[in-house]
Amino acid sequence: MIKRILNRILNNIDLSKDEQVRFLGEIIKIPAVAPSSGGCGEWDKVELIVEWARTHGFSDIERFDVEDLGVPSGSRPNVVVWLKGKRNAERIHEDMPRLLVITHTDVVPPGDLKAWDSDPYSAVVSDGRIFGRGAEDNGQSLTAALFAARAVLDNEILPVRDVGLVMVAYEEIGNEKGILHLMNEGFFKKNDLILVPDHGEPDGRLVEVSEKSLAWIKVTTKGKQCHSSRPDRGNNAHRAAMKFGTMVDEALHNRFDHRDGLFDFPLSSFEPTKKVANIQNVNTIPGEDILYFDCRVLPRYRLNDIITEMRRIADTVEKVTGTSISLDPVLRDEATEPTPADAPIVKMLLSAIDSVYNSNPYPGGIGGSTAAAILRRAGYNAAVWETVDNTAHSPNEYAVIDNMVNDCKVFATLFTDGV
């Protein structure tokens, strides 16, 4: 009986494929960019989503909007579309955990428009993909979750538990007016089953349960500017910065060299990335040099130890070169305890993925950062999963349409667990 019901729901999802593409296309066309990046926020996009939900029979919709006078609407919208279960309708299983799927409605700016093959907000469908800013991040999963809930609702199925489709604002620029606001409002419960579909792999096998610590370190080296024909009259900040960079690169990789097979890249990484222009001409010795390190550190190590080692090397370079070196952590995010691989949400998700994809999925860790880290830090177990080609934030971002439909089936399988 249960299998027959689920098959009917999954068949309905297949039939909704074209409708899913049209819906994702409509939300791509709304540039939900933060005002700090020149946009107007998420309001229009969320209004479209809410209207769609009401039109398709979702009567229980909850809002957690946050005042923001920097956008025309005056608010940043957070919305929860509920698929109420037997707990609510029949007053049974009062302690049954809720299942929450958390997606975000904001997108990053398109960047260099010349790098796009089409208008980032035109939602072009080609070769089994839909192209546009926000197609993958996070429109694919947002669409899949909504259509999974609709398929369950259309078949008049009552899930065992309440299912909340949580769509938050502000994820791309810090979460303060998004998921952190919901947390401050007491929305989350300790026994919630939480899925954050905001990272994945093309084969859909990785269920992310852990993330590395993250630190962006700004390194400012100061010497003395002079003409390059008389280096004795100055102190080359760029040379000292290069010395520091090579020394710290070697030292960090040698000292913090543990391998952890839980992660897709099993080592800590310490990458020199951004380099700020120091002088405009070739024949001047720079008196100041600025570079950045992007450090992704396994949870077994503390960021304080990384920064202390960098400071030790900076002190050494200062003594040798006569320059001064300052270290400024412009972003710092300490790793949290991982979600246990045997946590209920992980086991349920692994089972649902395998039933749809027949792929032998597995729990693992990543070097990136998602909103799940915020939840884990607050003591909530959260799993991260979707099936994507990882085109987020890039020109010609796209979602693979079949991935969206199949992930929709995984969500529906989760929603009907135990029916």
Protein backbone atom coordinates (compact mmCIF):
# COMPACT_ATOMS: atom_id res chain seq x y z
CA MET A 1 0.00 0.00 0.00
CA ILE A 2 2.74 2.46 0.99
CA LYS A 3 4.76 1.68 -2.14
CA ARG A 4 1.69 2.15 -4.35
CA ILE A 5 1.00 5.57 -2.82
CA LEU A 6 4.61 6.67 -3.26
CA ASN A 7 4.73 5.47 -6.87
CA ARG A 8 1.64 7.53 -7.62
CA ILE A 9 3.29 10.61 -6.12
CA LEU A 10 6.54 10.04 -8.03
CA ASN A 11 4.62 9.60 -11.27
CA ASN A 12 2.91 12.95 -10.64
CA ILE A 13 6.34 14.54 -10.21
CA ASP A 14 7.44 13.21 -13.60
CA LEU A 15 4.32 14.72 -15.15
CA SER A 16 5.10 18.10 -13.55
CA LYS A 17 8.54 18.38 -15.17
CA ASP A 18 7.62 21.13 -17.64
CA GLU A 19 5.75 23.02 -14.95
CA GLN A 20 8.78 22.87 -12.67
CA VAL A 21 10.91 24.35 -15.47
CA ARG A 22 8.41 27.18 -16.00
CA PHE A 23 8.27 27.94 -12.27
CA LEU A 24 12.05 27.98 -11.89
CA GLY A 25 12.24 30.22 -14.93
CA GLU A 26 9.81 32.70 -13.37
CA ILE A 27 11.80 33.03 -10.15
CA ILE A 28 15.10 33.32 -12.05
CA LYS A 29 13.65 36.37 -13.83
CA ILE A 30 13.39 38.23 -10.51
CA PRO A 31 16.87 39.51 -9.50
CA ALA A 32 16.70 38.95 -5.74
CA VAL A 33 20.04 40.64 -5.05
CA ALA A 34 20.87 42.32 -1.74
CA PRO A 35 20.93 46.14 -1.59
CA SER A 36 24.59 46.04 -0.58
CA SER A 37 25.22 44.51 -4.01
CA GLY A 38 23.00 46.98 -5.86
CA GLY A 39 19.74 45.01 -5.72
CA CYS A 40 16.24 45.37 -4.26
CA GLY A 41 16.14 42.23 -2.11
CA GLU A 42 13.91 39.18 -2.21
CA TRP A 43 10.41 40.63 -1.71
CA ASP A 44 9.03 40.27 -5.26
CA LYS A 45 10.39 36.75 -5.57
CA VAL A 46 8.85 35.64 -2.29
CA GLU A 47 5.50 37.22 -3.20
CA LEU A 48 5.47 35.12 -6.38
CA ILE A 49 6.31 31.97 -4.39
CA VAL A 50 3.61 32.65 -1.79
CA GLU A 51 1.00 33.29 -4.48
CA TRP A 52 1.95 30.03 -6.18
CA ALA A 53 1.67 28.14 -2.89
CA ARG A 54 -1.78 29.58 -2.12
CA THR A 55 -3.00 28.85 -5.64
CA HIS A 56 -1.95 25.21 -5.28
CA GLY A 57 -3.71 24.54 -2.00
CA PHE A 58 -1.20 25.43 0.71
CA SER A 59 -3.25 27.23 3.35
CA ASP A 60 -0.74 27.26 6.19
CA ILE A 61 1.90 29.86 5.34
CA GLU A 62 3.96 31.59 8.02
CA ARG A 63 5.95 34.82 7.62
CA PHE A 64 8.98 36.04 9.59
CA ASP A 65 9.79 39.30 7.81
CA VAL A 66 12.56 41.59 9.05
CA GLU A 67 12.62 45.37 8.71
CA ASP A 68 15.22 46.66 6.25
CA LEU A 69 14.84 50.25 5.11
CA GLY A 70 17.53 49.69 2.50
CA VAL A 71 15.08 47.88 0.17
CA PRO A 72 11.94 49.31 -1.50
CA SER A 73 9.65 46.89 0.36
CA GLY A 74 11.11 47.93 3.71
CA SER A 75 11.48 44.27 4.71
CA ARG A 76 13.49 41.14 4.04
CA PRO A 77 11.02 38.24 3.75
CA ASN A 78 11.31 34.82 5.35
CA VAL A 79 8.47 32.40 4.67
CA VAL A 80 7.52 28.87 5.74
CA VAL A 81 5.07 26.88 3.63
CA TRP A 82 3.68 24.05 5.75
CA LEU A 83 2.55 20.61 4.67
CA LYS A 84 0.75 19.58 7.82
CA GLY A 85 0.95 15.95 8.90
CA LYS A 86 -1.07 13.54 11.02
CA ARG A 87 0.36 15.08 14.16
CA ASN A 88 -1.52 18.27 13.38
CA ALA A 89 -4.65 16.78 11.81
CA GLU A 90 -5.25 13.83 14.13
CA ARG A 91 -3.47 15.01 17.28
CA ILE A 92 -1.29 11.94 17.41
CA HIS A 93 2.48 11.65 17.74
CA GLU A 94 2.66 14.90 19.66
CA ASP A 95 6.42 14.47 20.03
CA MET A 96 6.95 13.60 16.36
CA PRO A 97 9.84 15.71 15.00
CA ARG A 98 9.14 18.17 12.22
CA LEU A 99 10.95 17.87 8.91
CA LEU A 100 12.34 21.20 7.68
CA VAL A 101 13.82 21.86 4.24
CA ILE A 102 15.72 25.16 4.28
CA THR A 103 16.43 26.98 1.02
CA HIS A 104 17.29 30.62 0.34
CA THR A 105 15.66 33.11 -2.01
CA ASP A 106 18.47 35.64 -2.46
CA VAL A 107 21.08 35.38 -5.19
CA VAL A 108 24.49 36.89 -5.83
CA PRO A 109 24.95 39.51 -8.59
CA PRO A 110 25.73 38.17 -12.08
CA GLY A 111 29.25 39.60 -12.17
CA ASP A 112 30.85 40.25 -15.55
CA LEU A 113 27.95 40.27 -18.02
CA LYS A 114 30.35 39.73 -20.91
CA ALA A 115 31.14 36.29 -19.49
CA TRP A 116 27.50 35.21 -19.87
CA ASP A 117 26.17 33.68 -23.07
CA SER A 118 22.69 35.07 -22.28
CA ASP A 119 20.95 37.53 -19.99
CA PRO A 120 21.46 36.18 -16.44
CA TYR A 121 17.79 36.84 -15.69
CA SER A 122 16.24 35.49 -18.90
CA ALA A 123 16.04 31.80 -17.83
CA VAL A 124 17.23 30.15 -21.03
CA VAL A 125 16.40 26.44 -21.44
CA SER A 126 18.91 24.51 -23.53
CA ASP A 127 20.36 21.00 -23.68
CA GLY A 128 18.45 19.74 -20.64
CA ARG A 129 19.47 22.70 -18.50
CA ILE A 130 18.01 26.00 -17.40
CA PHE A 131 20.49 28.88 -17.34
CA GLY A 132 20.31 31.98 -15.15
CA ARG A 133 21.52 33.55 -11.95
CA GLY A 134 20.12 31.56 -9.04
CA ALA A 135 19.16 28.55 -11.17
CA GLU A 136 21.33 26.22 -9.09
CA ASP A 137 21.83 28.44 -6.06
CA ASN A 138 19.19 27.93 -4.71
CA GLY A 139 16.32 27.86 -7.20
CA GLN A 140 16.67 24.20 -8.17
CA SER A 141 16.15 22.87 -4.65
CA LEU A 142 13.54 25.49 -3.76
CA THR A 143 11.49 24.42 -6.80
CA ALA A 144 12.01 20.71 -6.16
CA ALA A 145 10.88 21.02 -2.53
CA LEU A 146 7.72 22.97 -3.44
CA PHE A 147 6.69 20.54 -6.16
CA ALA A 148 7.41 17.54 -3.93
CA ALA A 149 5.08 18.98 -1.29
CA ARG A 150 2.47 19.74 -3.94
CA ALA A 151 2.59 16.16 -5.24
CA VAL A 152 1.94 14.87 -1.72
CA LEU A 153 -0.86 17.39 -1.20
CA ASP A 154 -2.50 16.64 -4.56
CA ASN A 155 -2.64 12.96 -3.66
CA GLU A 156 -4.37 13.83 -0.37
CA ILE A 157 -1.65 12.17 1.68
CA LEU A 158 -1.07 13.16 5.30
CA PRO A 159 2.61 12.80 6.22
CA VAL A 160 3.36 11.32 9.61
CA ARG A 161 5.09 14.56 10.59
CA ASP A 162 4.71 18.24 9.78
CA VAL A 163 6.87 19.29 6.83
CA GLY A 164 8.06 22.89 6.66
CA LEU A 165 9.51 24.41 3.50
CA VAL A 166 11.60 27.20 4.99
CA MET A 167 12.67 29.86 2.46
CA VAL A 168 15.00 32.44 3.97
CA ALA A 169 16.46 35.76 2.85
CA TYR A 170 19.95 37.18 3.32
CA GLU A 171 21.87 33.89 3.00
CA GLU A 172 24.45 35.22 0.56
CA ILE A 173 25.55 38.10 2.79
CA GLY A 174 25.54 36.80 6.34
CA ASN A 175 22.17 35.28 7.39
CA GLU A 176 21.38 37.95 10.00
CA LYS A 177 18.00 38.78 8.48
CA GLY A 178 17.39 35.20 7.44
CA ILE A 179 18.08 31.99 9.27
CA LEU A 180 19.57 33.75 12.30
CA HIS A 181 16.37 35.79 12.64
CA LEU A 182 14.29 32.60 12.68
CA MET A 183 16.63 31.18 15.29
CA ASN A 184 16.25 34.29 17.46
CA GLU A 185 12.47 34.01 17.09
CA GLY A 186 12.60 30.50 18.57
CA PHE A 187 11.40 28.86 15.38
CA PHE A 188 13.66 25.80 15.54
CA LYS A 189 13.22 22.85 17.91
CA LYS A 190 15.98 20.56 19.08
CA ASN A 191 14.38 17.44 17.61
CA ASP A 192 13.75 18.99 14.17
CA LEU A 193 14.90 16.97 11.18
CA ILE A 194 16.72 19.58 9.10
CA LEU A 195 17.81 19.37 5.48
CA VAL A 196 19.72 22.23 3.82
CA PRO A 197 19.85 21.47 0.06
CA ASP A 198 22.57 23.99 -0.76
CA HIS A 199 25.57 21.85 -1.68
CA GLY A 200 26.04 18.61 -3.55
CA GLU A 201 27.88 16.69 -6.22
CA PRO A 202 26.96 15.79 -9.81
CA ASP A 203 26.33 12.15 -8.88
CA GLY A 204 24.15 13.09 -5.88
CA ARG A 205 25.88 10.63 -3.55
CA LEU A 206 27.44 12.97 -0.97
CA VAL A 207 25.36 13.86 2.09
CA GLU A 208 27.32 16.62 3.82
CA VAL A 209 27.51 16.25 7.60
CA SER A 210 30.62 18.31 8.39
CA GLU A 211 32.42 21.45 7.24
CA LYS A 212 35.93 22.73 7.73
CA SER A 213 36.83 25.85 9.68
CA LEU A 214 37.20 28.88 7.45
CA ALA A 215 39.49 31.90 7.81
CA TRP A 216 40.33 34.65 5.37
CA ILE A 217 43.50 36.41 6.51
CA LYS A 218 44.51 39.80 5.16
CA VAL A 219 48.31 40.23 5.26
CA THR A 220 49.58 43.81 5.10
CA THR A 221 53.33 44.33 4.75
CA LYS A 222 54.79 47.84 5.14
CA GLY A 223 58.27 48.92 4.09
CA LYS A 224 59.47 52.12 2.40
CA GLN A 225 58.78 53.24 -1.15
CA CYS A 226 61.61 54.43 -3.39
CA HIS A 227 62.88 54.44 -6.96
CA SER A 228 63.78 50.92 -8.10
CA SER A 229 67.23 52.07 -9.26
CA ARG A 230 68.17 52.86 -5.63
CA PRO A 231 66.77 49.99 -3.53
CA ASP A 232 69.16 50.97 -0.74
CA ARG A 233 66.97 54.03 -0.08
CA GLY A 234 63.82 52.01 0.53
CA ASN A 235 62.53 48.71 1.85
CA ASN A 236 60.67 46.49 -0.61
CA ALA A 237 57.37 45.49 1.00
CA HIS A 238 56.56 43.19 -1.92
CA ARG A 239 59.75 41.13 -1.46
CA ALA A 240 59.05 40.74 2.27
CA ALA A 241 55.46 39.73 1.51
CA MET A 242 56.67 37.08 -0.94
CA LYS A 243 59.09 35.75 1.66
CA PHE A 244 56.31 35.60 4.25
CA GLY A 245 53.96 33.93 1.76
CA THR A 246 56.34 31.13 0.82
CA MET A 247 57.43 30.54 4.44
CA VAL A 248 53.91 30.43 5.85
CA ASP A 249 52.67 28.25 2.99
CA GLU A 250 55.30 25.62 3.72
CA ALA A 251 55.03 25.84 7.52
CA LEU A 252 51.23 25.50 7.70
CA HIS A 253 51.12 22.54 5.32
CA ASN A 254 53.90 20.79 7.26
CA ARG A 255 52.50 21.37 10.75
CA PHE A 256 48.78 20.88 10.08
CA ASP A 257 49.06 17.85 7.81
CA HIS A 258 46.45 15.42 9.17
CA ARG A 259 44.31 13.62 6.56
CA ASP A 260 40.61 13.04 7.23
CA GLY A 261 38.85 10.72 4.80
CA LEU A 262 35.44 12.17 5.73
CA PHE A 263 36.16 15.17 3.50
CA ASP A 264 36.13 15.44 -0.28
CA PHE A 265 39.58 17.07 -0.05
CA PRO A 266 41.07 15.26 2.98
CA LEU A 267 43.66 17.89 4.01
CA SER A 268 43.58 21.38 5.43
CA SER A 269 44.31 23.98 2.76
CA PHE A 270 46.10 27.33 3.05
CA GLU A 271 45.83 29.11 -0.25
CA PRO A 272 47.30 32.54 -1.09
CA THR A 273 44.51 34.02 -3.22
CA LYS A 274 43.74 37.71 -3.62
CA LYS A 275 46.59 40.13 -4.36
CA VAL A 276 45.91 43.86 -4.06
CA ALA A 277 47.70 46.09 -6.56
CA ASN A 278 50.50 47.96 -4.79
CA ILE A 279 51.94 50.43 -7.34
CA GLN A 280 50.95 51.47 -10.87
CA ASN A 281 54.39 51.52 -12.47
CA VAL A 282 57.24 49.04 -12.81
CA ASN A 283 60.13 51.26 -11.71
CA THR A 284 59.00 51.96 -8.15
CA ILE A 285 59.72 49.79 -5.13
CA PRO A 286 56.43 49.42 -3.20
CA GLY A 287 56.23 50.56 0.38
CA GLU A 288 53.07 48.55 1.06
CA ASP A 289 51.88 45.15 -0.11
CA ILE A 290 48.55 43.40 0.63
CA LEU A 291 47.65 39.78 0.00
CA TYR A 292 45.08 37.34 1.35
CA PHE A 293 45.13 33.71 2.47
CA ASP A 294 42.04 31.50 2.27
CA CYS A 295 42.38 28.79 4.93
CA ARG A 296 40.06 25.76 5.07
CA VAL A 297 41.00 23.80 8.18
CA LEU A 298 40.00 20.34 9.38
CA PRO A 299 37.86 20.43 12.56
CA ARG A 300 40.63 18.77 14.63
CA TYR A 301 42.64 22.03 14.46
CA ARG A 302 41.74 25.41 15.97
CA LEU A 303 41.97 28.59 13.94
CA ASN A 304 43.84 30.28 16.81
CA ASP A 305 46.69 27.81 16.28
CA ILE A 306 46.79 28.62 12.55
CA ILE A 307 46.90 32.37 13.19
CA THR A 308 49.51 31.96 15.94
CA GLU A 309 51.79 30.09 13.53
CA MET A 310 51.31 32.78 10.89
CA ARG A 311 52.18 35.44 13.47
CA ARG A 312 55.35 33.57 14.46
CA ILE A 313 56.52 33.54 10.85
CA ALA A 314 55.55 37.20 10.39
CA ASP A 315 57.73 38.11 13.40
CA THR A 316 60.64 36.24 11.84
CA VAL A 317 60.23 37.99 8.48
CA GLU A 318 59.96 41.38 10.19
CA LYS A 319 63.31 40.84 11.91
CA VAL A 320 65.02 39.70 8.72
CA THR A 321 63.61 42.40 6.42
CA GLY A 322 62.96 45.37 8.69
CA THR A 323 59.35 45.58 7.47
CA SER A 324 56.19 45.39 9.56
CA ILE A 325 53.53 42.75 8.89
CA SER A 326 49.97 42.82 10.22
CA LEU A 327 47.50 39.94 10.08
CA ASP A 328 43.79 40.73 9.95
CA PRO A 329 41.25 37.87 9.98
CA VAL A 330 38.52 39.44 7.80
CA LEU A 331 36.39 36.29 8.05
CA ARG A 332 36.56 33.64 10.70
CA ASP A 333 34.23 30.65 11.08
CA GLU A 334 35.25 27.89 13.47
CA ALA A 335 34.15 24.37 12.54
CA THR A 336 31.36 22.84 14.59
CA GLU A 337 30.78 19.29 15.71
CA PRO A 338 29.59 17.28 12.71
CA THR A 339 26.09 15.94 12.42
CA PRO A 340 26.45 12.26 13.41
CA ALA A 341 26.33 9.88 10.47
CA ASP A 342 23.63 7.91 12.31
CA ALA A 343 21.45 10.96 13.05
CA PRO A 344 17.81 10.35 12.00
CA ILE A 345 17.86 12.99 9.25
CA VAL A 346 21.02 11.48 7.74
CA LYS A 347 19.68 7.92 7.78
CA MET A 348 16.33 9.01 6.32
CA LEU A 349 18.03 11.03 3.61
CA LEU A 350 20.47 8.28 2.65
CA SER A 351 17.57 5.85 2.32
CA ALA A 352 15.49 8.26 0.22
CA ILE A 353 18.40 9.07 -2.12
CA ASP A 354 19.20 5.40 -2.64
CA SER A 355 15.56 4.54 -3.37
CA VAL A 356 15.41 7.16 -6.16
CA TYR A 357 18.96 7.13 -7.55
CA ASN A 358 20.08 3.61 -6.56
CA SER A 359 23.49 5.19 -6.01
CA ASN A 360 24.82 4.00 -2.62
CA PRO A 361 25.06 7.52 -1.10
CA TYR A 362 27.40 8.27 1.78
CA PRO A 363 27.96 10.89 4.54
CA GLY A 364 30.99 13.16 4.16
CA GLY A 365 32.50 16.59 4.72
CA ILE A 366 33.28 19.62 2.55
CA GLY A 367 35.65 22.56 2.61
CA GLY A 368 32.94 25.11 1.87
CA SER A 369 30.43 26.69 4.20
CA THR A 370 26.63 26.47 4.30
CA ALA A 371 23.87 27.63 6.62
CA ALA A 372 23.99 24.16 8.19
CA ALA A 373 27.08 25.29 10.11
CA ILE A 374 24.98 27.93 11.89
CA LEU A 375 22.44 25.32 12.91
CA ARG A 376 25.07 22.83 14.06
CA ARG A 377 26.75 25.52 16.12
CA ALA A 378 23.44 26.07 17.91
CA GLY A 379 23.09 22.36 18.63
CA TYR A 380 20.79 21.28 15.78
CA ASN A 381 21.58 18.30 13.57
CA ALA A 382 21.42 19.24 9.90
CA ALA A 383 22.29 17.45 6.69
CA VAL A 384 23.20 19.10 3.38
CA TRP A 385 22.38 17.49 0.05
CA GLU A 386 21.34 18.12 -3.55
CA THR A 387 22.43 16.94 -7.00
CA VAL A 388 24.25 19.75 -8.80
CA ASP A 389 27.09 20.45 -11.21
CA ASN A 390 28.44 23.19 -8.88
CA THR A 391 27.95 26.19 -11.17
CA ALA A 392 26.78 28.47 -8.36
CA HIS A 393 28.15 32.07 -8.48
CA SER A 394 29.72 31.45 -11.88
CA PRO A 395 28.81 32.92 -15.29
CA ASN A 396 26.26 30.77 -17.14
CA GLU A 397 25.03 29.22 -13.89
CA TYR A 398 22.57 26.45 -14.63
CA ALA A 399 20.40 23.74 -13.12
CA VAL A 400 20.16 20.31 -14.75
CA ILE A 401 16.45 19.74 -15.23
CA ASP A 402 16.56 15.98 -14.61
CA ASN A 403 18.46 16.59 -11.37
CA MET A 404 15.70 18.92 -10.22
CA VAL A 405 12.99 16.38 -11.00
CA ASN A 406 14.83 13.46 -9.39
CA ASP A 407 15.72 15.51 -6.30
CA CYS A 408 12.03 16.40 -6.13
CA LYS A 409 11.33 12.67 -5.91
CA VAL A 410 13.86 12.32 -3.08
CA PHE A 411 12.12 15.12 -1.17
CA ALA A 412 8.71 13.51 -1.73
CA THR A 413 10.09 10.19 -0.47
CA LEU A 414 11.30 11.97 2.66
CA PHE A 415 7.97 13.73 3.14
CA THR A 416 6.03 10.46 2.97
CA ASP A 417 8.39 8.44 5.19
CA GLY A 418 6.27 6.22 7.42
CA VAL A 419 2.95 6.95 5.66
